[in-house]
Amino acid sequence: MEGGSIAKRDHGGPGE
């Protein structure tokens, strides 16, 4: 991943 939080936001995240 590219930092974790950024990657999650980029993919939608598990809840965000």
PDB file of N, CA and C in Angstrom:
ATOM      1  N   MET A   1       0.836  -1.212   0.000  1.00  0.00           N
ATOM      2  CA  MET A   1       0.000   0.000   0.000  1.00  0.00           C
ATOM      3  C   MET A   1       0.871   1.261   0.000  1.00  0.00           C
ATOM      4  N   GLU A   2       0.233   2.391  -0.248  1.00  0.00           N
ATOM      5  CA  GLU A   2       0.998   3.634  -0.346  1.00  0.00           C
ATOM      6  C   GLU A   2       0.803   4.516   0.883  1.00  0.00           C
ATOM      7  N   GLY A   3       0.717   3.918   2.054  1.00  0.00           N
ATOM      8  CA  GLY A   3       0.563   4.748   3.249  1.00  0.00           C
ATOM      9  C   GLY A   3      -0.558   4.245   4.138  1.00  0.00           C
ATOM     10  N   GLY A   4      -1.456   3.436   3.584  1.00  0.00           N
ATOM     11  CA  GLY A   4      -2.532   2.862   4.393  1.00  0.00           C
ATOM     12  C   GLY A   4      -3.806   3.679   4.293  1.00  0.00           C
ATOM     13  N   SER A   5      -3.848   4.803   5.002  1.00  0.00           N
ATOM     14  CA  SER A   5      -5.074   5.615   5.020  1.00  0.00           C
ATOM     15  C   SER A   5      -5.373   6.155   3.626  1.00  0.00           C
ATOM     16  N   ILE A   6      -4.340   6.541   2.904  1.00  0.00           N
ATOM     17  CA  ILE A   6      -4.545   7.089   1.558  1.00  0.00           C
ATOM     18  C   ILE A   6      -5.063   5.977   0.639  1.00  0.00           C
ATOM     19  N   ALA A   7      -4.468   4.802   0.783  1.00  0.00           N
ATOM     20  CA  ALA A   7      -4.877   3.681  -0.057  1.00  0.00           C
ATOM     21  C   ALA A   7      -6.327   3.305   0.238  1.00  0.00           C
ATOM     22  N   LYS A   8      -6.689   3.315   1.511  1.00  0.00           N
ATOM     23  CA  LYS A   8      -8.069   2.972   1.878  1.00  0.00           C
ATOM     24  C   LYS A   8      -9.040   3.997   1.299  1.00  0.00           C
ATOM     25  N   ARG A   9      -8.689   5.272   1.382  1.00  0.00           N
ATOM     26  CA  ARG A   9      -9.582   6.304   0.844  1.00  0.00           C
ATOM     27  C   ARG A   9      -9.696   6.151  -0.673  1.00  0.00           C
ATOM     28  N   ASP A  10      -8.589   5.772  -1.304  1.00  0.00           N
ATOM     29  CA  ASP A  10      -8.575   5.650  -2.753  1.00  0.00           C
ATOM     30  C   ASP A  10      -9.485   4.512  -3.203  1.00  0.00           C
ATOM     31  N   HIS A  11      -9.560   3.477  -2.374  1.00  0.00           N
ATOM     32  CA  HIS A  11     -10.375   2.318  -2.731  1.00  0.00           C
ATOM     33  C   HIS A  11     -11.741   2.358  -2.058  1.00  0.00           C
ATOM     34  N   GLY A  12     -11.959   3.350  -1.274  1.00  0.00           N
ATOM     35  CA  GLY A  12     -13.246   3.451  -0.601  1.00  0.00           C
ATOM     36  C   GLY A  12     -13.128   3.133   0.874  1.00  0.00           C
ATOM     37  N   GLY A  13     -12.241   2.216   1.220  1.00  0.00           N
ATOM     38  CA  GLY A  13     -12.059   1.877   2.626  1.00  0.00           C
ATOM     39  C   GLY A  13     -13.111   0.890   3.099  1.00  0.00           C
ATOM     40  N   PRO A  14     -12.891   0.272   4.257  1.00  0.00           N
ATOM     41  CA  PRO A  14     -13.822  -0.701   4.811  1.00  0.00           C
ATOM     42  C   PRO A  14     -15.063  -0.052   5.409  1.00  0.00           C
ATOM     43  N   GLY A  15     -15.073   1.263   5.454  1.00  0.00           N
ATOM     44  CA  GLY A  15     -16.238   1.933   6.051  1.00  0.00           C
ATOM     45  C   GLY A  15     -16.247   3.409   5.692  1.00  0.00           C
ATOM     46  N   GLU A  16     -15.130   3.893   5.146  1.00  0.00           N
ATOM     47  CA  GLU A  16     -15.069   5.333   4.835  1.00  0.00           C
ATOM     48  C   GLU A  16     -15.478   5.581   3.393  1.00  0.00           C
TER      49      GLU A  16
END
